[in-house]
Amino acid sequence: MIGLLLNYKEQKEIEYLLKREMEEILLDVEDERIDDYVKTVMKEKYELLLSLYKRLTPPEDYYRYPSILKKG
C-alpha cells in the first residue's frame, strides 16, 4: 500500500481530473463506432478511476457515477 498526502487544492484538482476522465469514458462507451474490445478496456479503466474517486470523496459525491461493468 502507498500513502499519499494532499492539500485541499491538490485533492480538488485530482477529483476534477478523475470526474472529467470518467465522464468522457461514459460518453465514449455509448459511441457505436468504437469496437467492443476497446469498450471493454474503457469500462475497466472507468472502474479503476471510480475506485480512486470513491477514496477521495464522500458518498453523496460519487453516487451519480454508476458501476458500468456487467457482472457475470
N, C-alpha and C. Protein backbone atom coordinates (compact mmCIF):
# COMPACT_ATOMS: atom_id res chain seq x y z
N MET A 1 0.85 -1.17 0.00
CA MET A 1 0.00 0.00 0.00
C MET A 1 0.89 1.24 0.00
N ILE A 2 0.46 2.25 -0.71
CA ILE A 2 1.20 3.50 -0.80
C ILE A 2 0.31 4.60 -0.22
N GLY A 3 0.89 5.43 0.64
CA GLY A 3 0.17 6.56 1.20
C GLY A 3 0.46 7.81 0.39
N LEU A 4 -0.45 8.75 0.46
CA LEU A 4 -0.30 9.99 -0.29
C LEU A 4 -0.90 11.13 0.52
N LEU A 5 -0.12 12.15 0.75
CA LEU A 5 -0.63 13.33 1.45
C LEU A 5 -0.91 14.42 0.43
N LEU A 6 -2.12 14.95 0.49
CA LEU A 6 -2.53 16.02 -0.42
C LEU A 6 -3.09 17.18 0.37
N ASN A 7 -2.84 18.38 -0.12
CA ASN A 7 -3.54 19.50 0.49
C ASN A 7 -4.91 19.63 -0.19
N TYR A 8 -5.74 20.51 0.29
CA TYR A 8 -7.11 20.63 -0.20
C TYR A 8 -7.16 20.95 -1.69
N LYS A 9 -6.31 21.86 -2.13
CA LYS A 9 -6.30 22.26 -3.55
C LYS A 9 -5.89 21.08 -4.44
N GLU A 10 -4.91 20.32 -4.02
CA GLU A 10 -4.47 19.15 -4.79
C GLU A 10 -5.57 18.09 -4.84
N GLN A 11 -6.25 17.89 -3.73
CA GLN A 11 -7.35 16.92 -3.68
C GLN A 11 -8.44 17.31 -4.67
N LYS A 12 -8.82 18.57 -4.68
CA LYS A 12 -9.87 19.03 -5.58
C LYS A 12 -9.45 18.91 -7.04
N GLU A 13 -8.18 19.14 -7.32
CA GLU A 13 -7.69 19.00 -8.69
C GLU A 13 -7.74 17.55 -9.15
N ILE A 14 -7.36 16.64 -8.29
CA ILE A 14 -7.42 15.21 -8.63
C ILE A 14 -8.87 14.78 -8.81
N GLU A 15 -9.76 15.24 -7.95
CA GLU A 15 -11.19 14.94 -8.11
C GLU A 15 -11.69 15.42 -9.47
N TYR A 16 -11.31 16.63 -9.83
CA TYR A 16 -11.74 17.20 -11.11
C TYR A 16 -11.23 16.35 -12.28
N LEU A 17 -9.97 15.97 -12.24
CA LEU A 17 -9.39 15.17 -13.32
C LEU A 17 -10.06 13.81 -13.43
N LEU A 18 -10.32 13.17 -12.29
CA LEU A 18 -10.99 11.87 -12.30
C LEU A 18 -12.41 11.99 -12.86
N LYS A 19 -13.16 13.00 -12.41
CA LYS A 19 -14.52 13.20 -12.91
C LYS A 19 -14.54 13.45 -14.40
N ARG A 20 -13.63 14.28 -14.87
CA ARG A 20 -13.58 14.60 -16.29
C ARG A 20 -13.28 13.35 -17.12
N GLU A 21 -12.34 12.55 -16.68
CA GLU A 21 -11.99 11.33 -17.40
C GLU A 21 -13.13 10.32 -17.37
N MET A 22 -13.78 10.17 -16.21
CA MET A 22 -14.90 9.22 -16.12
C MET A 22 -16.06 9.65 -17.01
N GLU A 23 -16.37 10.94 -17.03
CA GLU A 23 -17.46 11.42 -17.87
C GLU A 23 -17.15 11.22 -19.35
N GLU A 24 -15.90 11.41 -19.73
CA GLU A 24 -15.51 11.18 -21.12
C GLU A 24 -15.65 9.71 -21.49
N ILE A 25 -15.27 8.83 -20.60
CA ILE A 25 -15.41 7.40 -20.85
C ILE A 25 -16.88 7.03 -20.98
N LEU A 26 -17.73 7.57 -20.10
CA LEU A 26 -19.16 7.27 -20.17
C LEU A 26 -19.74 7.69 -21.53
N LEU A 27 -19.28 8.81 -22.05
CA LEU A 27 -19.75 9.24 -23.38
C LEU A 27 -19.22 8.33 -24.47
N ASP A 28 -17.95 7.97 -24.40
CA ASP A 28 -17.33 7.14 -25.44
C ASP A 28 -17.90 5.73 -25.46
N VAL A 29 -18.30 5.20 -24.32
CA VAL A 29 -18.86 3.85 -24.28
C VAL A 29 -20.17 3.78 -25.07
N GLU A 30 -20.87 4.88 -25.18
CA GLU A 30 -22.12 4.92 -25.94
C GLU A 30 -21.90 5.07 -27.44
N ASP A 31 -20.68 5.39 -27.86
CA ASP A 31 -20.38 5.60 -29.27
C ASP A 31 -20.36 4.26 -30.00
N GLU A 32 -21.22 4.12 -31.00
CA GLU A 32 -21.34 2.86 -31.73
C GLU A 32 -20.15 2.59 -32.64
N ARG A 33 -19.37 3.61 -32.95
CA ARG A 33 -18.23 3.45 -33.85
C ARG A 33 -17.04 2.78 -33.17
N ILE A 34 -17.05 2.72 -31.85
CA ILE A 34 -15.94 2.16 -31.10
C ILE A 34 -16.13 0.65 -30.96
N ASP A 35 -15.07 -0.10 -31.21
CA ASP A 35 -15.07 -1.56 -31.15
C ASP A 35 -15.41 -2.05 -29.74
N ASP A 36 -16.07 -3.20 -29.65
CA ASP A 36 -16.48 -3.76 -28.37
C ASP A 36 -15.29 -4.07 -27.45
N TYR A 37 -14.18 -4.55 -28.04
CA TYR A 37 -12.99 -4.83 -27.23
C TYR A 37 -12.46 -3.55 -26.58
N VAL A 38 -12.43 -2.49 -27.35
CA VAL A 38 -11.96 -1.20 -26.83
C VAL A 38 -12.90 -0.71 -25.73
N LYS A 39 -14.19 -0.90 -25.92
CA LYS A 39 -15.17 -0.51 -24.91
C LYS A 39 -14.96 -1.28 -23.61
N THR A 40 -14.62 -2.56 -23.72
CA THR A 40 -14.35 -3.36 -22.53
C THR A 40 -13.17 -2.81 -21.75
N VAL A 41 -12.12 -2.45 -22.45
CA VAL A 41 -10.94 -1.86 -21.80
C VAL A 41 -11.29 -0.51 -21.18
N MET A 42 -12.11 0.26 -21.88
CA MET A 42 -12.52 1.56 -21.35
C MET A 42 -13.35 1.39 -20.07
N LYS A 43 -14.20 0.38 -20.04
CA LYS A 43 -15.02 0.12 -18.85
C LYS A 43 -14.15 -0.28 -17.67
N GLU A 44 -13.11 -1.08 -17.93
CA GLU A 44 -12.20 -1.47 -16.86
C GLU A 44 -11.44 -0.25 -16.33
N LYS A 45 -11.05 0.63 -17.22
CA LYS A 45 -10.37 1.86 -16.81
C LYS A 45 -11.32 2.73 -15.98
N TYR A 46 -12.57 2.82 -16.42
CA TYR A 46 -13.57 3.58 -15.69
C TYR A 46 -13.73 3.07 -14.26
N GLU A 47 -13.80 1.74 -14.12
CA GLU A 47 -13.96 1.15 -12.78
C GLU A 47 -12.77 1.47 -11.89
N LEU A 48 -11.57 1.46 -12.45
CA LEU A 48 -10.38 1.81 -11.69
C LEU A 48 -10.43 3.27 -11.25
N LEU A 49 -10.80 4.16 -12.17
CA LEU A 49 -10.91 5.58 -11.84
C LEU A 49 -12.00 5.81 -10.79
N LEU A 50 -13.11 5.08 -10.91
CA LEU A 50 -14.20 5.21 -9.95
C LEU A 50 -13.74 4.80 -8.56
N SER A 51 -12.97 3.72 -8.47
CA SER A 51 -12.49 3.30 -7.15
C SER A 51 -11.57 4.35 -6.53
N LEU A 52 -10.75 5.00 -7.36
CA LEU A 52 -9.90 6.08 -6.85
C LEU A 52 -10.75 7.28 -6.41
N TYR A 53 -11.76 7.59 -7.22
CA TYR A 53 -12.64 8.72 -6.90
C TYR A 53 -13.38 8.49 -5.59
N LYS A 54 -13.80 7.25 -5.36
CA LYS A 54 -14.52 6.92 -4.13
C LYS A 54 -13.65 7.11 -2.89
N ARG A 55 -12.35 6.95 -3.05
CA ARG A 55 -11.44 7.13 -1.91
C ARG A 55 -11.24 8.59 -1.54
N LEU A 56 -11.53 9.48 -2.49
CA LEU A 56 -11.30 10.91 -2.25
C LEU A 56 -12.55 11.68 -1.87
N THR A 57 -13.72 11.10 -2.12
CA THR A 57 -14.95 11.87 -1.96
C THR A 57 -15.95 11.14 -1.06
N PRO A 58 -16.85 11.90 -0.46
CA PRO A 58 -17.93 11.29 0.32
C PRO A 58 -18.97 10.65 -0.61
N PRO A 59 -19.78 9.72 -0.09
CA PRO A 59 -20.76 9.01 -0.93
C PRO A 59 -21.69 9.92 -1.72
N GLU A 60 -22.10 11.03 -1.17
CA GLU A 60 -23.03 11.90 -1.91
C GLU A 60 -22.40 12.50 -3.16
N ASP A 61 -21.07 12.48 -3.26
CA ASP A 61 -20.40 12.99 -4.46
C ASP A 61 -20.22 11.92 -5.53
N TYR A 62 -20.06 10.67 -5.15
CA TYR A 62 -19.80 9.65 -6.17
C TYR A 62 -21.01 8.78 -6.49
N TYR A 63 -22.15 9.00 -5.85
CA TYR A 63 -23.32 8.15 -6.13
C TYR A 63 -23.80 8.28 -7.57
N ARG A 64 -23.53 9.40 -8.23
CA ARG A 64 -24.01 9.61 -9.60
C ARG A 64 -23.19 8.88 -10.65
N TYR A 65 -22.06 8.31 -10.23
CA TYR A 65 -21.22 7.56 -11.15
C TYR A 65 -21.42 6.06 -10.91
N PRO A 66 -22.22 5.43 -11.75
CA PRO A 66 -22.55 4.01 -11.52
C PRO A 66 -21.41 3.10 -11.97
N SER A 67 -21.42 1.89 -11.47
CA SER A 67 -20.53 0.87 -11.98
C SER A 67 -21.07 0.46 -13.34
N ILE A 68 -20.22 0.38 -14.34
CA ILE A 68 -20.71 0.07 -15.70
C ILE A 68 -20.27 -1.30 -16.20
N LEU A 69 -19.47 -2.01 -15.42
CA LEU A 69 -19.09 -3.36 -15.83
C LEU A 69 -20.24 -4.31 -15.55
N LYS A 70 -20.55 -5.16 -16.50
CA LYS A 70 -21.61 -6.16 -16.30
C LYS A 70 -21.04 -7.31 -15.51
N LYS A 71 -21.70 -7.64 -14.44
CA LYS A 71 -21.28 -8.77 -13.60
C LYS A 71 -21.84 -10.06 -14.17
N GLY A 72 -21.00 -11.10 -14.20
CA GLY A 72 -21.48 -12.40 -14.62
C GLY A 72 -21.29 -12.72 -16.05
